[in-house]
Structure formats: C-alpha cells, structure tokens
Amino acid sequence: MTEKIILPKYHLSWTAMSTWNSNPERYKREVFEGGPKLETKFLDFGKKIAELIELGQHTELLPDLPIYDTPEHKIECVVAGIPILSFLDSYDSKTNNFLEYKTGKIPWTLSKVQKHDQLVFYATALKWSTGRMPEYCDLVWIETIERKPEQIDFWRNEKKELEVTGRIKTFHREFDEREIARMEQLIIRTATEISDAYKQYIDTL
C-alpha cells in the first residue's frame, strides 16, 4: 500500500467490514453522514443477552452456557497496517481460543458456521494481537422464540416478545492459515475501498 489509509472511525471492525461489503451506500449513510444505524428487535435482544453474560447474570436463564475465563475480550491491534477493533464474546486466555454467542430463531448449522467470516476476522485479530493463530472457536447458538403476550383486548395487536428457551447448541470450527491469509487480504481491500470513498466524501464538503 503506497497511499495512506484514512478511515472515518480510525479502526476497522467486523460490523464495518460486513456493512461495506454488503451495502456500501448504507455504510456511507451511517458512518460518513452520521445517519441512523440499522436497529431491529433481534439485534437489541442479542445485545441484552450479551450484557447478561458479560455481567455473569445469565446462569439462571442459561445454566448450561459454556463460558471462558475472559468474557467480552476487547482486541485492538494492527493487521497488515490496518487498525482493527474486535470484541470476543468469551476468550480462553490459556488456549487462545474463543466462543461466539448467537441468539436467533433460525437454527445454525455447521455449514453456516464454516462460511461465517466473522469468526475468521476474530481469529485474524487474535493472530496479530497475540502472535499465534487460534486453533479453533466454538459458535454457541442460543435458541430464541417469539412469544405473543397475553391478549388483553381482542382488537389490540400485541407485539411478539423475544425470549430464550434455554436450549443451546455448540458448533466446533477449526481455523486454517490459508483462510487467515485470505481475511488479511480482505481487510486490506475493504479498508482501501472505504478510505478512497471517504476521501472523495471529504472533498465534497
């Protein structure tokens, strides 16, 4: 890279990468222009469950949930010249492996887990921050359902509420050096594209 990378948030996160590569215009509205971010009840529910786990207040709700010694592990590092920010749901400081929790109604499958690049992004961040690539991670699916509250008036349209069933399913996912190298190239490409677009945006102000 010969030109300096300028990112609007200084660092690159998985959310930023995913948003840019799936919908650049949405990224520009949310980040360049400071527009409202996409919010859904499912995203909000996932954040609330993550907070309970981080605070250790999940044991009654999810007694069988696996957890490592470092919940909500923050990683700030530089990958191939690109500043990276990551938050691991649960990190094993002894083995250098991690857990990723996912709430949702739709069941996860091993095939879906293998294709989920967020896990490779986190593994890449761990490699550059610790000096060694993690051997694996486990994605833990926390089954979620929508339950309609008791109806008070038959004409009132009550919104369905989300709740966990207590059922969890764990998927084991190992990492390979080749996919880490692929992610490093994706990080560089994405950061370069965002930087070029951001410079153009700044020039219009």
N, C-alpha and C. Protein backbone atom coordinates (compact mmCIF):
# COMPACT_ATOMS: atom_id res chain seq x y z
N MET A 1 0.85 -1.19 0.00
CA MET A 1 0.00 0.00 0.00
C MET A 1 0.89 1.24 0.00
N THR A 2 0.71 2.07 -1.00
CA THR A 2 1.52 3.27 -1.10
C THR A 2 0.77 4.50 -0.57
N GLU A 3 -0.55 4.53 -0.74
CA GLU A 3 -1.33 5.66 -0.25
C GLU A 3 -1.77 5.42 1.19
N LYS A 4 -1.84 6.51 1.93
CA LYS A 4 -2.23 6.41 3.34
C LYS A 4 -3.71 6.06 3.46
N ILE A 5 -4.00 5.10 4.35
CA ILE A 5 -5.38 4.70 4.60
C ILE A 5 -5.98 5.66 5.64
N ILE A 6 -7.12 6.25 5.31
CA ILE A 6 -7.83 7.12 6.23
C ILE A 6 -9.22 6.55 6.45
N LEU A 7 -9.49 6.08 7.67
CA LEU A 7 -10.79 5.51 7.99
C LEU A 7 -11.60 6.48 8.84
N PRO A 8 -12.89 6.58 8.59
CA PRO A 8 -13.72 7.54 9.33
C PRO A 8 -13.79 7.27 10.82
N LYS A 9 -13.59 6.00 11.24
CA LYS A 9 -13.61 5.66 12.66
C LYS A 9 -12.24 5.21 13.14
N TYR A 10 -11.22 5.47 12.39
CA TYR A 10 -9.83 5.11 12.66
C TYR A 10 -9.59 3.61 12.53
N HIS A 11 -10.45 2.79 13.17
CA HIS A 11 -10.26 1.35 13.13
C HIS A 11 -11.30 0.71 12.21
N LEU A 12 -11.06 -0.56 11.89
CA LEU A 12 -12.00 -1.35 11.10
C LEU A 12 -12.53 -2.48 11.98
N SER A 13 -13.84 -2.58 12.07
CA SER A 13 -14.47 -3.65 12.84
C SER A 13 -15.14 -4.63 11.89
N TRP A 14 -15.59 -5.75 12.43
CA TRP A 14 -16.30 -6.70 11.59
C TRP A 14 -17.61 -6.11 11.08
N THR A 15 -18.31 -5.38 11.93
CA THR A 15 -19.57 -4.76 11.51
C THR A 15 -19.34 -3.81 10.35
N ALA A 16 -18.28 -3.01 10.44
CA ALA A 16 -17.97 -2.07 9.36
C ALA A 16 -17.63 -2.82 8.07
N MET A 17 -16.82 -3.86 8.18
CA MET A 17 -16.44 -4.64 7.01
C MET A 17 -17.65 -5.29 6.37
N SER A 18 -18.49 -5.89 7.19
CA SER A 18 -19.66 -6.59 6.68
C SER A 18 -20.63 -5.63 6.01
N THR A 19 -20.84 -4.48 6.66
CA THR A 19 -21.76 -3.49 6.10
C THR A 19 -21.23 -2.95 4.77
N TRP A 20 -19.95 -2.61 4.72
CA TRP A 20 -19.38 -2.06 3.49
C TRP A 20 -19.47 -3.05 2.33
N ASN A 21 -19.13 -4.29 2.59
CA ASN A 21 -19.11 -5.28 1.52
C ASN A 21 -20.49 -5.75 1.08
N SER A 22 -21.49 -5.53 1.92
CA SER A 22 -22.85 -5.93 1.54
C SER A 22 -23.68 -4.75 1.04
N ASN A 23 -23.41 -3.56 1.58
CA ASN A 23 -24.21 -2.39 1.22
C ASN A 23 -23.40 -1.11 1.44
N PRO A 24 -22.53 -0.74 0.49
CA PRO A 24 -21.68 0.45 0.65
C PRO A 24 -22.47 1.74 0.88
N GLU A 25 -23.62 1.86 0.23
CA GLU A 25 -24.41 3.08 0.39
C GLU A 25 -24.94 3.22 1.80
N ARG A 26 -25.35 2.10 2.38
CA ARG A 26 -25.80 2.14 3.78
C ARG A 26 -24.65 2.53 4.70
N TYR A 27 -23.46 1.98 4.43
CA TYR A 27 -22.29 2.34 5.23
C TYR A 27 -22.02 3.84 5.15
N LYS A 28 -22.09 4.39 3.97
CA LYS A 28 -21.83 5.83 3.80
C LYS A 28 -22.85 6.66 4.57
N ARG A 29 -24.13 6.25 4.51
CA ARG A 29 -25.18 7.00 5.23
C ARG A 29 -24.94 6.94 6.73
N GLU A 30 -24.60 5.75 7.24
CA GLU A 30 -24.48 5.57 8.68
C GLU A 30 -23.19 6.17 9.23
N VAL A 31 -22.08 6.00 8.49
CA VAL A 31 -20.76 6.38 9.02
C VAL A 31 -20.31 7.74 8.50
N PHE A 32 -20.30 7.94 7.20
CA PHE A 32 -19.84 9.22 6.65
C PHE A 32 -20.79 10.34 7.06
N GLU A 33 -22.10 10.10 6.91
CA GLU A 33 -23.09 11.16 7.13
C GLU A 33 -23.68 11.15 8.53
N GLY A 34 -23.32 10.14 9.34
CA GLY A 34 -23.83 10.09 10.71
C GLY A 34 -25.30 9.80 10.81
N GLY A 35 -25.84 9.08 9.82
CA GLY A 35 -27.26 8.74 9.82
C GLY A 35 -27.58 7.64 10.83
N PRO A 36 -28.88 7.37 11.02
CA PRO A 36 -29.28 6.33 11.99
C PRO A 36 -28.82 4.95 11.55
N LYS A 37 -28.40 4.16 12.51
CA LYS A 37 -27.94 2.80 12.22
C LYS A 37 -29.12 1.84 12.20
N LEU A 38 -28.92 0.74 11.48
CA LEU A 38 -29.95 -0.27 11.40
C LEU A 38 -30.19 -0.88 12.78
N GLU A 39 -31.44 -0.85 13.22
CA GLU A 39 -31.78 -1.43 14.52
C GLU A 39 -33.00 -2.33 14.35
N THR A 40 -32.94 -3.51 14.91
CA THR A 40 -34.07 -4.43 14.91
C THR A 40 -34.22 -4.98 16.32
N LYS A 41 -35.39 -5.54 16.59
CA LYS A 41 -35.60 -6.11 17.93
C LYS A 41 -34.70 -7.31 18.17
N PHE A 42 -34.30 -7.98 17.08
CA PHE A 42 -33.41 -9.14 17.21
C PHE A 42 -32.00 -8.70 17.61
N LEU A 43 -31.50 -7.60 16.98
CA LEU A 43 -30.19 -7.09 17.35
C LEU A 43 -30.19 -6.59 18.78
N ASP A 44 -31.25 -5.88 19.16
CA ASP A 44 -31.36 -5.34 20.51
C ASP A 44 -31.41 -6.47 21.54
N PHE A 45 -32.15 -7.53 21.22
CA PHE A 45 -32.25 -8.67 22.13
C PHE A 45 -30.90 -9.35 22.31
N GLY A 46 -30.18 -9.51 21.20
CA GLY A 46 -28.86 -10.13 21.26
C GLY A 46 -27.91 -9.35 22.14
N LYS A 47 -27.98 -8.02 22.07
CA LYS A 47 -27.13 -7.17 22.90
C LYS A 47 -27.47 -7.33 24.39
N LYS A 48 -28.75 -7.45 24.68
CA LYS A 48 -29.17 -7.60 26.08
C LYS A 48 -28.69 -8.92 26.67
N ILE A 49 -28.77 -9.99 25.87
CA ILE A 49 -28.28 -11.29 26.33
C ILE A 49 -26.77 -11.24 26.54
N ALA A 50 -26.07 -10.56 25.62
CA ALA A 50 -24.61 -10.44 25.74
C ALA A 50 -24.23 -9.70 27.02
N GLU A 51 -25.00 -8.68 27.38
CA GLU A 51 -24.74 -7.92 28.61
C GLU A 51 -24.93 -8.81 29.84
N LEU A 52 -25.98 -9.63 29.83
CA LEU A 52 -26.21 -10.54 30.96
C LEU A 52 -25.05 -11.50 31.14
N ILE A 53 -24.56 -12.03 30.01
CA ILE A 53 -23.44 -12.97 30.08
C ILE A 53 -22.18 -12.29 30.59
N GLU A 54 -21.93 -11.08 30.08
CA GLU A 54 -20.73 -10.33 30.50
C GLU A 54 -20.75 -10.04 31.99
N LEU A 55 -21.95 -9.77 32.53
CA LEU A 55 -22.09 -9.44 33.95
C LEU A 55 -22.23 -10.69 34.83
N GLY A 56 -22.27 -11.86 34.19
CA GLY A 56 -22.43 -13.09 34.95
C GLY A 56 -23.83 -13.31 35.48
N GLN A 57 -24.82 -12.67 34.86
CA GLN A 57 -26.20 -12.75 35.34
C GLN A 57 -27.05 -13.67 34.46
N HIS A 58 -26.41 -14.58 33.75
CA HIS A 58 -27.09 -15.45 32.79
C HIS A 58 -27.36 -16.85 33.34
N THR A 59 -26.81 -17.18 34.50
CA THR A 59 -26.78 -18.57 34.96
C THR A 59 -28.18 -19.17 35.18
N GLU A 60 -29.12 -18.37 35.62
CA GLU A 60 -30.47 -18.90 35.82
C GLU A 60 -31.18 -19.11 34.49
N LEU A 61 -30.95 -18.17 33.58
CA LEU A 61 -31.59 -18.22 32.27
C LEU A 61 -30.93 -19.25 31.36
N LEU A 62 -29.59 -19.32 31.42
CA LEU A 62 -28.83 -20.23 30.55
C LEU A 62 -27.81 -21.00 31.38
N PRO A 63 -28.27 -21.94 32.19
CA PRO A 63 -27.37 -22.64 33.12
C PRO A 63 -26.30 -23.48 32.43
N ASP A 64 -26.55 -23.93 31.21
CA ASP A 64 -25.61 -24.81 30.51
C ASP A 64 -24.71 -24.06 29.53
N LEU A 65 -24.72 -22.75 29.58
CA LEU A 65 -23.93 -21.98 28.62
C LEU A 65 -22.43 -22.12 28.91
N PRO A 66 -21.64 -22.54 27.91
CA PRO A 66 -20.18 -22.59 28.12
C PRO A 66 -19.61 -21.18 28.16
N ILE A 67 -18.62 -20.97 28.98
CA ILE A 67 -18.02 -19.64 29.10
C ILE A 67 -16.55 -19.80 29.49
N TYR A 68 -15.70 -18.94 28.92
CA TYR A 68 -14.27 -18.99 29.22
C TYR A 68 -13.91 -17.98 30.31
N ASP A 69 -12.62 -17.89 30.60
CA ASP A 69 -12.18 -17.06 31.73
C ASP A 69 -12.25 -15.56 31.46
N THR A 70 -12.35 -15.15 30.18
CA THR A 70 -12.38 -13.72 29.88
C THR A 70 -13.59 -13.40 29.00
N PRO A 71 -14.72 -13.03 29.62
CA PRO A 71 -15.88 -12.63 28.82
C PRO A 71 -15.67 -11.24 28.22
N GLU A 72 -16.25 -11.01 27.05
CA GLU A 72 -16.17 -9.72 26.36
C GLU A 72 -14.71 -9.23 26.27
N HIS A 73 -13.91 -9.98 25.55
CA HIS A 73 -12.49 -9.66 25.40
C HIS A 73 -12.28 -8.68 24.25
N LYS A 74 -11.72 -7.54 24.55
CA LYS A 74 -11.50 -6.49 23.55
C LYS A 74 -10.12 -6.65 22.91
N ILE A 75 -10.08 -6.57 21.59
CA ILE A 75 -8.82 -6.64 20.85
C ILE A 75 -8.64 -5.38 20.03
N GLU A 76 -7.57 -4.68 20.27
CA GLU A 76 -7.17 -3.55 19.43
C GLU A 76 -5.77 -3.86 18.91
N CYS A 77 -5.65 -3.99 17.61
CA CYS A 77 -4.36 -4.32 17.03
C CYS A 77 -4.28 -3.77 15.61
N VAL A 78 -3.16 -4.00 14.96
CA VAL A 78 -2.97 -3.56 13.58
C VAL A 78 -2.71 -4.80 12.74
N VAL A 79 -3.55 -5.01 11.74
CA VAL A 79 -3.43 -6.15 10.83
C VAL A 79 -2.96 -5.64 9.47
N ALA A 80 -1.75 -5.99 9.09
CA ALA A 80 -1.19 -5.58 7.80
C ALA A 80 -1.32 -4.07 7.57
N GLY A 81 -1.09 -3.31 8.64
CA GLY A 81 -1.14 -1.86 8.53
C GLY A 81 -2.51 -1.25 8.78
N ILE A 82 -3.54 -2.09 9.01
CA ILE A 82 -4.91 -1.60 9.22
C ILE A 82 -5.30 -1.74 10.69
N PRO A 83 -5.69 -0.66 11.36
CA PRO A 83 -6.13 -0.76 12.76
C PRO A 83 -7.43 -1.56 12.85
N ILE A 84 -7.46 -2.51 13.76
CA ILE A 84 -8.59 -3.41 13.91
C ILE A 84 -9.14 -3.33 15.33
N LEU A 85 -10.47 -3.39 15.44
CA LEU A 85 -11.12 -3.45 16.75
C LEU A 85 -12.07 -4.64 16.74
N SER A 86 -11.95 -5.50 17.74
CA SER A 86 -12.81 -6.68 17.85
C SER A 86 -13.22 -6.90 19.30
N PHE A 87 -14.39 -7.49 19.48
CA PHE A 87 -14.85 -7.88 20.80
C PHE A 87 -15.25 -9.36 20.75
N LEU A 88 -14.51 -10.19 21.48
CA LEU A 88 -14.83 -11.61 21.55
C LEU A 88 -15.83 -11.83 22.68
N ASP A 89 -16.85 -12.63 22.43
CA ASP A 89 -17.86 -12.87 23.47
C ASP A 89 -17.26 -13.55 24.69
N SER A 90 -16.35 -14.49 24.46
CA SER A 90 -15.70 -15.18 25.57
C SER A 90 -14.36 -15.74 25.08
N TYR A 91 -13.29 -15.48 25.84
CA TYR A 91 -11.93 -15.80 25.38
C TYR A 91 -11.22 -16.67 26.41
N ASP A 92 -10.56 -17.71 25.92
CA ASP A 92 -9.75 -18.58 26.78
C ASP A 92 -8.30 -18.11 26.68
N SER A 93 -7.84 -17.44 27.72
CA SER A 93 -6.50 -16.85 27.69
C SER A 93 -5.40 -17.90 27.73
N LYS A 94 -5.74 -19.11 28.14
CA LYS A 94 -4.72 -20.18 28.20
C LYS A 94 -4.52 -20.84 26.84
N THR A 95 -5.61 -21.09 26.13
CA THR A 95 -5.52 -21.81 24.85
C THR A 95 -5.55 -20.88 23.64
N ASN A 96 -5.93 -19.61 23.85
CA ASN A 96 -6.03 -18.62 22.76
C ASN A 96 -7.18 -18.93 21.81
N ASN A 97 -8.22 -19.59 22.31
CA ASN A 97 -9.41 -19.87 21.52
C ASN A 97 -10.59 -19.06 22.07
N PHE A 98 -11.70 -19.05 21.36
CA PHE A 98 -12.80 -18.18 21.80
C PHE A 98 -14.16 -18.78 21.50
N LEU A 99 -15.18 -18.19 22.12
CA LEU A 99 -16.58 -18.54 21.90
C LEU A 99 -17.30 -17.36 21.27
N GLU A 100 -18.22 -17.66 20.39
CA GLU A 100 -19.09 -16.64 19.80
C GLU A 100 -20.53 -17.06 20.06
N TYR A 101 -21.29 -16.19 20.75
CA TYR A 101 -22.68 -16.50 21.05
C TYR A 101 -23.60 -15.88 20.00
N LYS A 102 -24.60 -16.64 19.59
CA LYS A 102 -25.59 -16.14 18.62
C LYS A 102 -26.99 -16.48 19.11
N THR A 103 -27.83 -15.45 19.27
CA THR A 103 -29.24 -15.68 19.54
C THR A 103 -29.97 -15.72 18.19
N GLY A 104 -31.18 -16.21 18.19
CA GLY A 104 -31.95 -16.21 16.95
C GLY A 104 -32.90 -17.37 16.87
N LYS A 105 -33.97 -17.21 16.06
CA LYS A 105 -34.98 -18.25 15.87
C LYS A 105 -34.51 -19.32 14.89
N ILE A 106 -33.75 -18.89 13.87
CA ILE A 106 -33.32 -19.82 12.82
C ILE A 106 -32.10 -20.61 13.31
N PRO A 107 -32.19 -21.93 13.31
CA PRO A 107 -31.07 -22.74 13.81
C PRO A 107 -29.81 -22.56 12.97
N TRP A 108 -28.67 -22.58 13.64
CA TRP A 108 -27.39 -22.58 12.93
C TRP A 108 -27.05 -24.01 12.53
N THR A 109 -26.24 -24.12 11.48
CA THR A 109 -25.74 -25.42 11.03
C THR A 109 -24.23 -25.34 10.93
N LEU A 110 -23.57 -26.49 10.88
CA LEU A 110 -22.11 -26.49 10.77
C LEU A 110 -21.66 -25.84 9.47
N SER A 111 -22.41 -26.07 8.40
CA SER A 111 -22.08 -25.46 7.11
C SER A 111 -22.15 -23.94 7.19
N LYS A 112 -23.18 -23.43 7.86
CA LYS A 112 -23.33 -21.98 8.01
C LYS A 112 -22.21 -21.40 8.87
N VAL A 113 -21.83 -22.13 9.90
CA VAL A 113 -20.74 -21.69 10.77
C VAL A 113 -19.42 -21.62 9.99
N GLN A 114 -19.17 -22.63 9.16
CA GLN A 114 -17.94 -22.67 8.37
C GLN A 114 -17.84 -21.48 7.42
N LYS A 115 -18.97 -20.98 6.95
CA LYS A 115 -18.98 -19.88 5.99
C LYS A 115 -19.04 -18.51 6.66
N HIS A 116 -19.17 -18.49 7.97
CA HIS A 116 -19.38 -17.22 8.69
C HIS A 116 -18.03 -16.53 8.92
N ASP A 117 -17.74 -15.54 8.08
CA ASP A 117 -16.41 -14.91 8.10
C ASP A 117 -16.13 -14.06 9.34
N GLN A 118 -17.13 -13.75 10.11
CA GLN A 118 -16.88 -13.01 11.35
C GLN A 118 -15.90 -13.79 12.24
N LEU A 119 -16.02 -15.10 12.24
CA LEU A 119 -15.15 -15.94 13.06
C LEU A 119 -13.70 -15.88 12.57
N VAL A 120 -13.53 -15.84 11.25
CA VAL A 120 -12.19 -15.75 10.67
C VAL A 120 -11.59 -14.37 10.95
N PHE A 121 -12.43 -13.34 10.92
CA PHE A 121 -11.97 -11.99 11.25
C PHE A 121 -11.43 -11.94 12.67
N TYR A 122 -12.16 -12.54 13.61
CA TYR A 122 -11.72 -12.57 15.01
C TYR A 122 -10.44 -13.40 15.16
N ALA A 123 -10.37 -14.51 14.45
CA ALA A 123 -9.16 -15.34 14.52
C ALA A 123 -7.95 -14.59 13.99
N THR A 124 -8.16 -13.78 12.95
CA THR A 124 -7.08 -12.97 12.39
C THR A 124 -6.63 -11.91 13.38
N ALA A 125 -7.60 -11.29 14.05
CA ALA A 125 -7.26 -10.29 15.07
C ALA A 125 -6.46 -10.93 16.21
N LEU A 126 -6.84 -12.13 16.60
CA LEU A 126 -6.09 -12.84 17.65
C LEU A 126 -4.67 -13.16 17.21
N LYS A 127 -4.53 -13.59 15.97
CA LYS A 127 -3.20 -13.92 15.46
C LYS A 127 -2.27 -12.70 15.54
N TRP A 128 -2.77 -11.56 15.13
CA TRP A 128 -1.93 -10.35 15.10
C TRP A 128 -1.74 -9.74 16.48
N SER A 129 -2.66 -9.96 17.39
CA SER A 129 -2.53 -9.37 18.73
C SER A 129 -1.73 -10.25 19.68
N THR A 130 -1.77 -11.58 19.48
CA THR A 130 -1.06 -12.48 20.39
C THR A 130 0.18 -13.10 19.76
N GLY A 131 0.28 -13.03 18.43
CA GLY A 131 1.42 -13.64 17.75
C GLY A 131 1.20 -15.10 17.40
N ARG A 132 0.03 -15.64 17.70
CA ARG A 132 -0.26 -17.02 17.34
C ARG A 132 -1.72 -17.18 16.93
N MET A 133 -1.94 -17.96 15.90
CA MET A 133 -3.28 -18.18 15.39
C MET A 133 -4.06 -19.12 16.31
N PRO A 134 -5.32 -18.80 16.62
CA PRO A 134 -6.12 -19.74 17.42
C PRO A 134 -6.38 -21.01 16.61
N GLU A 135 -6.41 -22.13 17.29
CA GLU A 135 -6.68 -23.40 16.59
C GLU A 135 -8.15 -23.52 16.21
N TYR A 136 -9.02 -23.01 17.07
CA TYR A 136 -10.45 -23.18 16.81
C TYR A 136 -11.27 -22.16 17.60
N CYS A 137 -12.56 -22.13 17.29
CA CYS A 137 -13.53 -21.42 18.12
C CYS A 137 -14.78 -22.29 18.18
N ASP A 138 -15.66 -21.98 19.09
CA ASP A 138 -16.97 -22.64 19.15
C ASP A 138 -18.05 -21.58 19.03
N LEU A 139 -18.95 -21.77 18.09
CA LEU A 139 -20.12 -20.89 17.99
C LEU A 139 -21.26 -21.53 18.76
N VAL A 140 -21.82 -20.78 19.68
CA VAL A 140 -22.88 -21.29 20.55
C VAL A 140 -24.19 -20.63 20.16
N TRP A 141 -25.09 -21.43 19.61
CA TRP A 141 -26.41 -20.90 19.24
C TRP A 141 -27.35 -20.99 20.43
N ILE A 142 -27.91 -19.84 20.82
CA ILE A 142 -28.86 -19.76 21.92
C ILE A 142 -30.26 -19.63 21.31
N GLU A 143 -31.02 -20.71 21.38
CA GLU A 143 -32.32 -20.73 20.71
C GLU A 143 -33.24 -19.63 21.26
N THR A 144 -33.87 -18.93 20.34
CA THR A 144 -34.74 -17.80 20.69
C THR A 144 -36.11 -18.01 20.05
N ILE A 145 -37.15 -17.65 20.77
CA ILE A 145 -38.50 -17.76 20.22
C ILE A 145 -39.23 -16.43 20.39
N GLU A 146 -40.27 -16.26 19.60
CA GLU A 146 -41.16 -15.12 19.74
C GLU A 146 -42.44 -15.59 20.41
N ARG A 147 -42.74 -14.98 21.53
CA ARG A 147 -43.95 -15.37 22.25
C ARG A 147 -44.88 -14.15 22.34
N LYS A 148 -46.12 -14.36 21.94
CA LYS A 148 -47.09 -13.26 21.99
C LYS A 148 -47.62 -13.10 23.41
N PRO A 149 -47.56 -11.88 23.95
CA PRO A 149 -48.07 -11.66 25.31
C PRO A 149 -49.56 -11.97 25.41
N GLU A 150 -50.01 -12.23 26.61
CA GLU A 150 -51.43 -12.50 26.80
C GLU A 150 -52.25 -11.31 26.31
N GLN A 151 -53.26 -11.61 25.53
CA GLN A 151 -54.06 -10.57 24.90
C GLN A 151 -55.09 -10.03 25.89
N ILE A 152 -55.05 -8.71 26.08
CA ILE A 152 -55.99 -8.06 26.99
C ILE A 152 -57.30 -7.77 26.27
N ASP A 153 -57.21 -7.17 25.11
CA ASP A 153 -58.39 -6.86 24.29
C ASP A 153 -58.24 -7.56 22.95
N PHE A 154 -59.28 -8.19 22.46
CA PHE A 154 -59.15 -8.99 21.25
C PHE A 154 -58.80 -8.15 20.04
N TRP A 155 -59.10 -6.84 20.07
CA TRP A 155 -58.80 -5.99 18.92
C TRP A 155 -57.40 -5.38 18.98
N ARG A 156 -56.73 -5.56 20.08
CA ARG A 156 -55.41 -4.96 20.25
C ARG A 156 -54.34 -5.89 19.67
N ASN A 157 -53.50 -5.34 18.83
CA ASN A 157 -52.45 -6.13 18.19
C ASN A 157 -51.18 -6.06 19.04
N GLU A 158 -51.01 -7.03 19.91
CA GLU A 158 -49.85 -7.04 20.79
C GLU A 158 -48.61 -7.51 20.03
N LYS A 159 -47.47 -6.86 20.27
CA LYS A 159 -46.23 -7.26 19.62
C LYS A 159 -45.67 -8.51 20.28
N LYS A 160 -45.06 -9.36 19.46
CA LYS A 160 -44.45 -10.57 19.98
C LYS A 160 -43.15 -10.23 20.71
N GLU A 161 -42.93 -10.89 21.82
CA GLU A 161 -41.73 -10.66 22.61
C GLU A 161 -40.74 -11.81 22.42
N LEU A 162 -39.46 -11.47 22.44
CA LEU A 162 -38.41 -12.47 22.27
C LEU A 162 -37.99 -13.03 23.63
N GLU A 163 -37.67 -14.31 23.64
CA GLU A 163 -37.14 -14.92 24.85
C GLU A 163 -36.33 -16.15 24.47
N VAL A 164 -35.39 -16.50 25.33
CA VAL A 164 -34.58 -17.70 25.08
C VAL A 164 -35.30 -18.91 25.66
N THR A 165 -35.10 -20.06 25.03
CA THR A 165 -35.74 -21.29 25.50
C THR A 165 -34.89 -22.01 26.53
N GLY A 166 -33.61 -21.66 26.60
CA GLY A 166 -32.67 -22.38 27.46
C GLY A 166 -31.90 -23.44 26.70
N ARG A 167 -32.35 -23.73 25.48
CA ARG A 167 -31.65 -24.72 24.64
C ARG A 167 -30.48 -24.06 23.93
N ILE A 168 -29.33 -24.72 23.99
CA ILE A 168 -28.16 -24.20 23.28
C ILE A 168 -27.55 -25.33 22.46
N LYS A 169 -26.89 -24.95 21.38
CA LYS A 169 -26.20 -25.93 20.53
C LYS A 169 -24.85 -25.35 20.14
N THR A 170 -23.80 -26.13 20.31
CA THR A 170 -22.44 -25.66 20.07
C THR A 170 -21.86 -26.28 18.80
N PHE A 171 -21.24 -25.43 17.99
CA PHE A 171 -20.61 -25.87 16.74
C PHE A 171 -19.11 -25.59 16.82
N HIS A 172 -18.32 -26.62 16.57
CA HIS A 172 -16.86 -26.51 16.63
C HIS A 172 -16.33 -26.11 15.26
N ARG A 173 -15.44 -25.12 15.22
CA ARG A 173 -14.93 -24.60 13.95
C ARG A 173 -13.43 -24.38 14.04
N GLU A 174 -12.66 -25.14 13.26
CA GLU A 174 -11.20 -25.02 13.28
C GLU A 174 -10.74 -24.02 12.20
N PHE A 175 -9.55 -23.44 12.43
CA PHE A 175 -9.02 -22.43 11.52
C PHE A 175 -7.81 -22.94 10.75
N ASP A 176 -7.60 -22.36 9.59
CA ASP A 176 -6.52 -22.74 8.70
C ASP A 176 -5.75 -21.48 8.30
N GLU A 177 -4.44 -21.59 8.17
CA GLU A 177 -3.60 -20.43 7.81
C GLU A 177 -4.04 -19.78 6.51
N ARG A 178 -4.53 -20.60 5.56
CA ARG A 178 -4.92 -20.06 4.26
C ARG A 178 -6.11 -19.12 4.36
N GLU A 179 -7.06 -19.45 5.22
CA GLU A 179 -8.21 -18.56 5.35
C GLU A 179 -7.86 -17.31 6.15
N ILE A 180 -6.90 -17.41 7.04
CA ILE A 180 -6.41 -16.22 7.74
C ILE A 180 -5.74 -15.28 6.73
N ALA A 181 -4.95 -15.84 5.83
CA ALA A 181 -4.30 -15.03 4.79
C ALA A 181 -5.34 -14.38 3.87
N ARG A 182 -6.40 -15.14 3.57
CA ARG A 182 -7.49 -14.57 2.76
C ARG A 182 -8.15 -13.40 3.48
N MET A 183 -8.38 -13.55 4.78
CA MET A 183 -9.01 -12.48 5.55
C MET A 183 -8.12 -11.25 5.64
N GLU A 184 -6.82 -11.47 5.76
CA GLU A 184 -5.89 -10.34 5.79
C GLU A 184 -6.00 -9.53 4.50
N GLN A 185 -6.11 -10.21 3.36
CA GLN A 185 -6.26 -9.52 2.09
C GLN A 185 -7.61 -8.82 1.99
N LEU A 186 -8.65 -9.43 2.54
CA LEU A 186 -9.98 -8.81 2.54
C LEU A 186 -9.99 -7.56 3.41
N ILE A 187 -9.29 -7.60 4.53
CA ILE A 187 -9.19 -6.44 5.41
C ILE A 187 -8.50 -5.28 4.68
N ILE A 188 -7.40 -5.59 4.01
CA ILE A 188 -6.66 -4.56 3.27
C ILE A 188 -7.53 -3.97 2.16
N ARG A 189 -8.21 -4.84 1.41
CA ARG A 189 -9.04 -4.37 0.29
C ARG A 189 -10.20 -3.51 0.79
N THR A 190 -10.86 -3.98 1.84
CA THR A 190 -12.01 -3.25 2.37
C THR A 190 -11.59 -1.90 2.92
N ALA A 191 -10.50 -1.87 3.69
CA ALA A 191 -10.01 -0.61 4.26
C ALA A 191 -9.62 0.37 3.16
N THR A 192 -9.01 -0.12 2.10
CA THR A 192 -8.61 0.73 0.98
C THR A 192 -9.84 1.31 0.29
N GLU A 193 -10.85 0.49 0.05
CA GLU A 193 -12.08 0.96 -0.60
C GLU A 193 -12.80 2.00 0.26
N ILE A 194 -12.89 1.74 1.57
CA ILE A 194 -13.53 2.70 2.46
C ILE A 194 -12.75 4.00 2.49
N SER A 195 -11.42 3.90 2.57
CA SER A 195 -10.56 5.08 2.60
C SER A 195 -10.72 5.92 1.34
N ASP A 196 -10.73 5.28 0.18
CA ASP A 196 -10.88 6.01 -1.08
C ASP A 196 -12.22 6.72 -1.14
N ALA A 197 -13.29 6.02 -0.72
CA ALA A 197 -14.63 6.62 -0.73
C ALA A 197 -14.72 7.76 0.29
N TYR A 198 -14.06 7.61 1.43
CA TYR A 198 -14.11 8.64 2.47
C TYR A 198 -13.36 9.90 2.03
N LYS A 199 -12.24 9.71 1.35
CA LYS A 199 -11.50 10.87 0.82
C LYS A 199 -12.34 11.63 -0.19
N GLN A 200 -13.06 10.90 -1.04
CA GLN A 200 -13.94 11.55 -2.01
C GLN A 200 -15.06 12.31 -1.31
N TYR A 201 -15.60 11.70 -0.24
CA TYR A 201 -16.66 12.35 0.52
C TYR A 201 -16.15 13.63 1.17
N ILE A 202 -14.97 13.58 1.77
CA ILE A 202 -14.39 14.76 2.42
C ILE A 202 -14.20 15.89 1.41
N ASP A 203 -13.79 15.54 0.19
CA ASP A 203 -13.54 16.55 -0.85
C ASP A 203 -14.83 17.27 -1.25
N THR A 204 -15.98 16.66 -1.02
CA THR A 204 -17.24 17.29 -1.40
C THR A 204 -17.77 18.24 -0.32
N LEU A 205 -17.18 18.21 0.85
CA LEU A 205 -17.67 19.05 1.95
C LEU A 205 -17.22 20.49 1.79
